[in-house]
């Protein structure tokens, strides 16, 4: 049994290397639901300003003015008038509350909210978010948030000896917001606009054909690919009173997806992701290492007795140069990712070497794919 090399084993374990797909094999098919979204059916961001109370002395300090003014306003609405300048409560913190309102959210539904400290509070652990209105971009209040804050971290210790785990100044309130108003989402109307999650002309054309074959066989087409990212579908007469049923059946269709060949490289972590459709042009790769090592040793020169001299530190510098023999591989026309990985593994290339080689291949025009560096 052949033993896999280090680089090859890592790439195989990561799922990056797969046998080349035969020419007669059909492309991978995916549900239409996973490829597109409906125009107007979207999430909405909500935001609000609130107070977290019940903190064990880890709230905002007196230098942070606005939480104390907010607390004074809150008490005033409850009939208690307090001068904000004399409030010294360390169990309160000003927080920014954010949430995502899903499409077609109905009044009475619960959604999660995220609570983030705005001042100099050290820890939100054990805090309680008091009633906070959450507004959309149009200034309308769509939900009210309130509940205990779960941080998933903590801050322990005193003075200069402290221990912090995770991020204790940001937490969540599970099911902490109650939806008060319908989400601003549009119900499906003719024509229905299908927005591709990843724009592609071939995939858009295949989606239109799949919809026409299913709902307009022998009749005028109802779907048309307007561009690489949008497919327009007219509502069939049979579904004139049940657009939701039509969308449900349409989302169940399977479509062969066409993806552009792409190589993604993360130079910070040495991660390389290559699609199996990537092809390499005819090219020769020559790879070698040159190592220059400089070492400095400090020697102490001690004068003899009664010589009147002083002790001196003398640096001894040694320079060494080591150059390995260059190793080369040759790839023929139509080489696949698997062949490239095996060839680079054969010459002992590391992940960093592979990144440099891929960038050189792209610069030379031999990499038949988009190279994206993140």
Protein backbone atom coordinates (compact mmCIF):
# COMPACT_ATOMS: atom_id res chain seq x y z
CA UNK A 1 0.00 0.00 0.00
CA UNK A 2 1.38 3.41 -0.95
CA UNK A 3 1.91 5.91 1.88
CA UNK A 4 0.58 9.40 1.32
CA UNK A 5 2.92 12.35 1.74
CA UNK A 6 2.24 15.07 4.27
CA UNK A 7 0.87 17.70 1.86
CA UNK A 8 -1.20 15.19 -0.08
CA UNK A 9 -2.66 13.69 3.09
CA UNK A 10 -3.70 17.10 4.40
CA UNK A 11 -5.39 18.10 1.14
CA UNK A 12 -7.16 14.76 0.83
CA UNK A 13 -8.43 14.99 4.42
CA UNK A 14 -9.72 18.50 3.72
CA UNK A 15 -11.69 17.27 0.71
CA UNK A 16 -9.66 19.35 -1.72
CA UNK A 17 -8.57 16.51 -3.98
CA UNK A 18 -11.13 14.45 -5.87
CA UNK A 19 -10.87 12.27 -8.96
CA UNK A 20 -11.44 14.13 -12.17
CA UNK A 21 -15.05 13.97 -13.34
CA UNK A 22 -15.56 11.92 -16.49
CA UNK A 23 -16.54 13.88 -19.58
CA UNK A 24 -19.95 12.20 -19.80
CA UNK A 25 -20.82 12.70 -16.13
CA UNK A 26 -23.56 15.25 -15.47
CA UNK A 27 -22.74 18.32 -13.36
CA UNK A 28 -23.84 18.35 -9.73
CA UNK A 29 -27.51 19.22 -9.29
CA UNK A 30 -28.92 21.39 -6.50
CA UNK A 31 -32.37 22.43 -5.40
CA UNK A 32 -33.58 25.73 -6.77
CA UNK A 33 -34.27 26.76 -3.17
CA UNK A 34 -30.54 26.61 -2.44
CA UNK A 35 -29.57 28.61 -5.53
CA UNK A 36 -31.90 31.62 -5.48
CA UNK A 37 -33.79 34.00 -3.24
CA UNK A 38 -37.04 35.79 -3.99
CA UNK A 39 -36.88 39.51 -4.58
CA UNK A 40 -38.49 41.32 -1.66
CA UNK A 41 -38.26 38.30 0.66
CA UNK A 42 -35.39 39.30 2.93
CA UNK A 43 -34.30 39.78 6.51
CA UNK A 44 -34.35 43.19 8.16
CA UNK A 45 -31.83 44.58 10.64
CA UNK A 46 -33.13 46.05 13.90
CA UNK A 47 -31.29 48.21 16.42
CA UNK A 48 -32.03 49.85 19.76
CA UNK A 49 -30.42 51.52 22.76
CA UNK A 50 -31.07 50.11 26.20
CA UNK A 51 -29.81 49.54 29.72
CA UNK A 52 -28.49 46.40 31.35
CA UNK A 53 -29.08 46.28 35.11
CA UNK A 54 -28.18 43.85 37.88
CA UNK A 55 -24.45 43.77 37.18
CA UNK A 56 -22.23 42.90 40.13
CA UNK A 57 -20.30 46.15 40.21
CA UNK A 58 -18.96 45.66 36.66
CA UNK A 59 -21.10 48.31 34.98
CA UNK A 60 -20.18 51.70 33.53
CA UNK A 61 -18.09 54.09 35.60
CA UNK A 62 -18.99 57.65 36.55
CA UNK A 63 -16.92 58.96 33.60
CA UNK A 64 -19.46 57.46 31.18
CA UNK A 65 -22.22 60.04 31.44
CA UNK A 66 -24.97 58.83 29.11
CA UNK A 67 -25.96 55.60 30.96
CA UNK A 68 -26.70 57.59 34.12
CA UNK A 69 -28.79 60.11 32.21
CA UNK A 70 -30.67 57.21 30.61
CA UNK A 71 -31.24 55.67 34.05
CA UNK A 72 -32.53 59.01 35.36
CA UNK A 73 -34.96 59.28 32.42
CA UNK A 74 -36.15 55.71 33.05
CA UNK A 75 -36.79 56.45 36.71
CA UNK A 76 -38.57 59.68 35.83
CA UNK A 77 -41.04 57.76 33.63
CA UNK A 78 -41.75 55.63 36.69
CA UNK A 79 -42.41 58.67 38.85
CA UNK A 80 -39.00 58.89 40.55
CA UNK A 81 -37.13 62.15 39.93
CA UNK A 82 -33.36 61.84 40.42
CA UNK A 83 -30.54 64.21 39.49
CA UNK A 84 -28.29 62.35 36.99
CA UNK A 85 -25.19 64.01 38.43
CA UNK A 86 -25.61 62.34 41.83
CA UNK A 87 -26.28 58.81 40.57
CA UNK A 88 -23.42 56.43 41.33
CA UNK A 89 -24.64 52.99 40.34
CA UNK A 90 -22.01 50.53 39.08
CA UNK A 91 -24.58 47.82 38.42
CA UNK A 92 -25.89 49.51 35.25
CA UNK A 93 -24.43 49.60 31.74
CA UNK A 94 -25.52 51.25 28.50
CA UNK A 95 -25.84 48.68 25.73
CA UNK A 96 -26.58 48.56 22.02
CA UNK A 97 -29.18 45.93 21.16
CA UNK A 98 -29.30 44.41 17.66
CA UNK A 99 -31.48 41.73 16.09
CA UNK A 100 -32.43 40.28 12.71
CA UNK A 101 -36.12 40.29 11.83
CA UNK A 102 -36.82 37.38 9.44
CA UNK A 103 -39.07 37.70 6.44
CA UNK A 104 -42.81 37.31 7.12
CA UNK A 105 -42.27 37.48 10.90
CA UNK A 106 -45.68 37.70 12.58
CA UNK A 107 -46.59 39.70 15.69
CA UNK A 108 -46.08 37.57 18.77
CA UNK A 109 -43.04 35.70 17.43
CA UNK A 110 -39.84 35.65 19.48
CA UNK A 111 -36.38 36.37 18.04
CA UNK A 112 -32.89 36.41 19.56
CA UNK A 113 -31.09 39.67 20.27
CA UNK A 114 -27.42 40.57 20.75
CA UNK A 115 -26.41 42.97 23.52
CA UNK A 116 -23.11 44.90 23.34
CA UNK A 117 -21.63 47.28 25.90
CA UNK A 118 -21.27 50.89 24.74
CA UNK A 119 -19.38 52.35 27.71
CA UNK A 120 -16.53 51.06 29.87
CA UNK A 121 -18.43 48.23 31.56
CA UNK A 122 -16.13 45.30 32.31
CA UNK A 123 -18.64 42.47 32.28
CA UNK A 124 -22.31 41.95 31.36
CA UNK A 125 -22.53 38.57 33.05
CA UNK A 126 -25.69 38.15 35.10
CA UNK A 127 -27.23 41.35 33.74
CA UNK A 128 -30.84 41.92 32.80
CA UNK A 129 -31.81 43.90 29.70
CA UNK A 130 -34.73 46.19 30.49
CA UNK A 131 -37.45 46.87 27.94
CA UNK A 132 -35.82 48.20 24.76
CA UNK A 133 -37.64 49.16 21.53
CA UNK A 134 -35.94 47.83 18.37
CA UNK A 135 -36.32 49.98 15.26
CA UNK A 136 -35.73 49.35 11.58
CA UNK A 137 -34.03 51.62 9.08
CA UNK A 138 -37.34 53.44 8.56
CA UNK A 139 -37.52 54.42 12.24
CA UNK A 140 -40.48 52.13 12.94
CA UNK A 141 -40.47 49.97 16.08
CA UNK A 142 -40.84 46.33 15.06
CA UNK A 143 -39.97 44.51 18.30
CA UNK A 144 -39.46 44.98 22.04
CA UNK A 145 -36.52 43.30 23.78
CA UNK A 146 -36.13 42.32 27.41
CA UNK A 147 -34.62 39.44 29.35
CA UNK A 148 -31.50 37.99 31.07
CA UNK A 149 -28.19 38.33 29.22
CA UNK A 150 -26.10 35.24 28.48
CA UNK A 151 -22.45 36.17 27.84
CA UNK A 152 -20.70 32.79 27.41
CA UNK A 153 -17.63 34.30 29.11
CA UNK A 154 -16.50 35.79 32.38
CA UNK A 155 -14.01 38.14 34.01
CA UNK A 156 -12.52 37.04 37.34
CA UNK A 157 -9.91 38.52 39.65
CA UNK A 158 -9.02 41.84 41.22
CA UNK A 159 -6.44 44.54 40.68
CA UNK A 160 -3.68 43.46 38.34
CA UNK A 161 -4.53 39.77 38.58
CA UNK A 162 -7.49 39.04 36.34
CA UNK A 163 -8.55 36.24 34.03
CA UNK A 164 -10.84 36.83 31.04
CA UNK A 165 -12.56 34.03 29.11
CA UNK A 166 -14.17 34.77 25.73
CA UNK A 167 -15.73 38.23 25.42
CA UNK A 168 -17.79 39.19 28.49
CA UNK A 169 -18.91 42.60 27.19
CA UNK A 170 -21.10 41.06 24.45
CA UNK A 171 -23.98 38.68 25.13
CA UNK A 172 -27.25 37.34 23.80
CA UNK A 173 -30.81 37.19 25.02
CA UNK A 174 -32.34 34.01 23.56
CA UNK A 175 -35.90 34.66 22.39
CA UNK A 176 -35.52 38.03 24.08
CA UNK A 177 -37.43 40.16 21.57
CA UNK A 178 -41.17 40.01 20.91
CA UNK A 179 -42.24 41.01 17.40
CA UNK A 180 -44.84 43.79 17.56
CA UNK A 181 -45.30 44.61 13.87
CA UNK A 182 -45.35 42.68 10.58
CA UNK A 183 -42.01 42.50 8.83
CA UNK A 184 -41.77 44.66 5.68
CA UNK A 185 -41.72 41.72 3.24
CA UNK A 186 -43.58 41.40 -0.04
CA UNK A 187 -45.73 38.40 -0.84
CA UNK A 188 -44.91 36.69 -4.17
CA UNK A 189 -46.51 38.56 -7.06
CA UNK A 190 -46.26 38.17 -10.82
CA UNK A 191 -43.68 38.36 -12.17
CA UNK A 192 -41.65 36.60 -9.50
CA UNK A 193 -38.01 37.68 -9.46
CA UNK A 194 -35.48 34.96 -8.64
CA UNK A 195 -32.13 36.37 -7.50
CA UNK A 196 -29.18 34.01 -7.87
CA UNK A 197 -26.99 33.74 -4.78
CA UNK A 198 -23.97 33.55 -7.10
CA UNK A 199 -24.43 35.22 -10.48
CA UNK A 200 -23.72 32.95 -13.44
CA UNK A 201 -25.14 33.11 -16.99
CA UNK A 202 -25.16 29.33 -17.52
CA UNK A 203 -26.91 28.61 -14.22
CA UNK A 204 -29.48 31.37 -14.84
CA UNK A 205 -30.29 29.91 -18.25
CA UNK A 206 -30.65 26.41 -16.81
CA UNK A 207 -33.01 27.69 -14.10
CA UNK A 208 -35.26 29.30 -16.69
CA UNK A 209 -35.31 26.08 -18.77
CA UNK A 210 -36.10 23.94 -15.72
CA UNK A 211 -39.04 26.16 -14.73
CA UNK A 212 -40.40 26.20 -18.30
CA UNK A 213 -40.09 22.42 -18.66
CA UNK A 214 -42.01 21.90 -15.42
CA UNK A 215 -44.77 24.52 -15.63
CA UNK A 216 -44.96 25.52 -19.32
CA UNK A 217 -44.46 22.29 -21.26
CA UNK A 218 -46.05 22.79 -24.69
CA UNK A 219 -47.07 26.36 -23.80
CA UNK A 220 -45.41 29.76 -24.09
CA UNK A 221 -42.45 30.03 -21.67
CA UNK A 222 -43.09 31.72 -18.34
CA UNK A 223 -39.47 32.04 -17.17
CA UNK A 224 -36.77 34.20 -18.70
CA UNK A 225 -33.19 34.82 -17.61
CA UNK A 226 -32.84 38.60 -17.63
CA UNK A 227 -29.14 38.54 -16.71
CA UNK A 228 -26.58 36.44 -14.84
CA UNK A 229 -28.15 37.22 -11.48
CA UNK A 230 -31.90 37.48 -12.15
CA UNK A 231 -34.58 35.17 -13.55
CA UNK A 232 -38.10 36.53 -14.09
CA UNK A 233 -40.99 34.04 -13.76
CA UNK A 234 -44.62 34.85 -14.63
CA UNK A 235 -47.25 33.30 -12.38
CA UNK A 236 -49.09 30.49 -14.29
CA UNK A 237 -52.83 30.74 -14.61
CA UNK A 238 -53.27 27.49 -12.68
CA UNK A 239 -51.64 29.12 -9.63
CA UNK A 240 -53.29 32.53 -9.95
CA UNK A 241 -54.88 32.20 -6.49
CA UNK A 242 -52.06 30.23 -4.82
CA UNK A 243 -48.74 31.93 -5.47
CA UNK A 244 -47.28 30.36 -2.34
CA UNK A 245 -47.95 26.84 -3.65
CA UNK A 246 -46.32 27.75 -6.95
CA UNK A 247 -43.18 29.03 -5.22
CA UNK A 248 -43.06 25.88 -3.06
CA UNK A 249 -43.19 23.59 -6.11
CA UNK A 250 -40.71 25.73 -8.01
CA UNK A 251 -38.17 25.68 -5.16
CA UNK A 252 -38.24 21.86 -5.21
CA UNK A 253 -36.87 21.74 -8.77
CA UNK A 254 -33.29 20.53 -9.24
CA UNK A 255 -30.92 22.40 -11.53
CA UNK A 256 -27.42 21.51 -12.72
CA UNK A 257 -25.11 24.17 -11.33
CA UNK A 258 -22.17 25.58 -13.26
CA UNK A 259 -19.39 27.03 -11.15
CA UNK A 260 -16.40 29.05 -12.26
CA UNK A 261 -13.04 27.45 -11.53
CA UNK A 262 -11.55 29.19 -8.52
CA UNK A 263 -8.58 28.86 -6.20
CA UNK A 264 -8.82 30.55 -2.79
CA UNK A 265 -5.62 31.18 -0.84
CA UNK A 266 -5.27 32.44 2.73
CA UNK A 267 -1.66 33.47 3.19
CA UNK A 268 -2.09 34.20 6.91
CA UNK A 269 -2.98 30.62 7.79
CA UNK A 270 -1.49 28.78 4.82
CA UNK A 271 -4.92 27.44 3.77
CA UNK A 272 -5.51 26.52 0.12
CA UNK A 273 -8.90 25.56 -1.34
CA UNK A 274 -8.96 24.30 -4.93
CA UNK A 275 -11.99 23.18 -6.91
CA UNK A 276 -11.69 19.92 -8.77
CA UNK A 277 -12.59 21.64 -12.05
CA UNK A 278 -9.38 23.69 -11.98
CA UNK A 279 -7.09 22.86 -14.91
CA UNK A 280 -3.39 23.52 -15.27
CA UNK A 281 -1.81 24.44 -18.60
CA UNK A 282 1.41 22.79 -19.81
CA UNK A 283 4.10 24.11 -17.48
CA UNK A 284 7.36 23.19 -15.77
CA UNK A 285 7.85 24.06 -12.09
CA UNK A 286 11.39 24.50 -10.69
CA UNK A 287 11.54 24.84 -6.93
CA UNK A 288 14.57 25.17 -4.63
CA UNK A 289 15.54 26.62 -1.28
CA UNK A 290 18.32 29.02 -0.37
CA UNK A 291 19.05 29.35 3.35
CA UNK A 292 21.31 32.04 4.79
CA UNK A 293 22.09 31.58 8.49
CA UNK A 294 23.89 34.23 10.54
CA UNK A 295 24.92 33.40 14.11
CA UNK A 296 26.52 35.81 16.56
CA UNK A 297 28.29 34.50 19.68
CA UNK A 298 29.49 36.86 22.40
CA UNK A 299 32.94 35.92 23.74
CA UNK A 300 34.32 37.44 26.94
CA UNK A 301 37.98 38.59 26.84
CA UNK A 302 39.41 38.56 30.38
CA UNK A 303 42.72 40.48 30.95
CA UNK A 304 45.56 38.93 32.87
CA UNK A 305 46.19 39.65 36.57
CA UNK A 306 47.75 43.06 37.32
CA UNK A 307 47.72 43.97 33.61
CA UNK A 308 45.57 47.05 34.09
CA UNK A 309 43.23 46.01 31.29
CA UNK A 310 39.41 45.76 31.38
CA UNK A 311 37.09 42.95 30.54
CA UNK A 312 35.73 43.16 26.97
CA UNK A 313 32.87 41.40 25.20
CA UNK A 314 33.91 40.45 21.68
CA UNK A 315 31.21 39.38 19.19
CA UNK A 316 32.05 36.40 16.98
CA UNK A 317 29.91 36.33 13.82
CA UNK A 318 29.58 33.24 11.64
CA UNK A 319 27.78 33.26 8.28
CA UNK A 320 26.59 30.03 6.68
CA UNK A 321 24.93 29.61 3.29
CA UNK A 322 23.06 26.46 2.30
CA UNK A 323 21.40 26.00 -1.06
CA UNK A 324 19.39 22.89 -1.84
CA UNK A 325 19.29 21.35 -5.26
CA UNK A 326 16.37 22.66 -7.30
CA UNK A 327 13.52 20.18 -7.81
CA UNK A 328 11.26 20.30 -10.81
CA UNK A 329 7.98 18.85 -12.04
CA UNK A 330 6.40 18.96 -15.48
CA UNK A 331 2.63 19.12 -16.03
CA UNK A 332 1.08 18.33 -19.39
CA UNK A 333 -1.93 19.94 -21.06
CA UNK A 334 -5.17 19.43 -19.10
CA UNK A 335 -3.51 18.49 -15.81
CA UNK A 336 -5.92 18.34 -12.88
CA UNK A 337 -5.67 19.52 -9.30
CA UNK A 338 -5.00 15.98 -8.14
CA UNK A 339 -2.01 15.70 -10.48
CA UNK A 340 -0.71 19.10 -9.32
CA UNK A 341 -0.94 18.13 -5.65
CA UNK A 342 0.77 14.80 -6.22
CA UNK A 343 3.54 16.49 -8.18
CA UNK A 344 4.11 19.14 -5.51
CA UNK A 345 4.05 16.48 -2.82
CA UNK A 346 6.69 14.55 -4.74
CA UNK A 347 9.14 17.45 -4.52
CA UNK A 348 8.38 18.01 -0.84
CA UNK A 349 6.64 21.39 -1.19
CA UNK A 350 5.06 22.85 1.94
CA UNK A 351 1.75 24.74 2.06
CA UNK A 352 3.62 28.06 1.84
CA UNK A 353 5.51 26.77 -1.21
CA UNK A 354 2.23 25.74 -2.86
CA UNK A 355 0.81 29.26 -2.33
CA UNK A 356 3.86 30.81 -3.99
CA UNK A 357 3.71 28.29 -6.84
CA UNK A 358 -0.01 28.93 -7.44
CA UNK A 359 0.58 32.68 -7.59
CA UNK A 360 3.41 32.12 -10.05
CA UNK A 361 1.23 29.82 -12.17
CA UNK A 362 -1.49 32.47 -12.27
CA UNK A 363 1.01 35.15 -13.27
CA UNK A 364 2.33 32.90 -16.03
CA UNK A 365 -1.18 32.26 -17.38
CA UNK A 366 -0.95 28.51 -16.74
CA UNK A 367 -3.65 28.40 -14.03
CA UNK A 368 -7.04 28.14 -15.72
CA UNK A 369 -8.99 29.53 -12.76
CA UNK A 370 -9.58 32.68 -10.76
CA UNK A 371 -7.02 33.12 -7.97
CA UNK A 372 -8.49 34.81 -4.91
CA UNK A 373 -6.21 35.78 -2.03
CA UNK A 374 -7.94 36.52 1.27
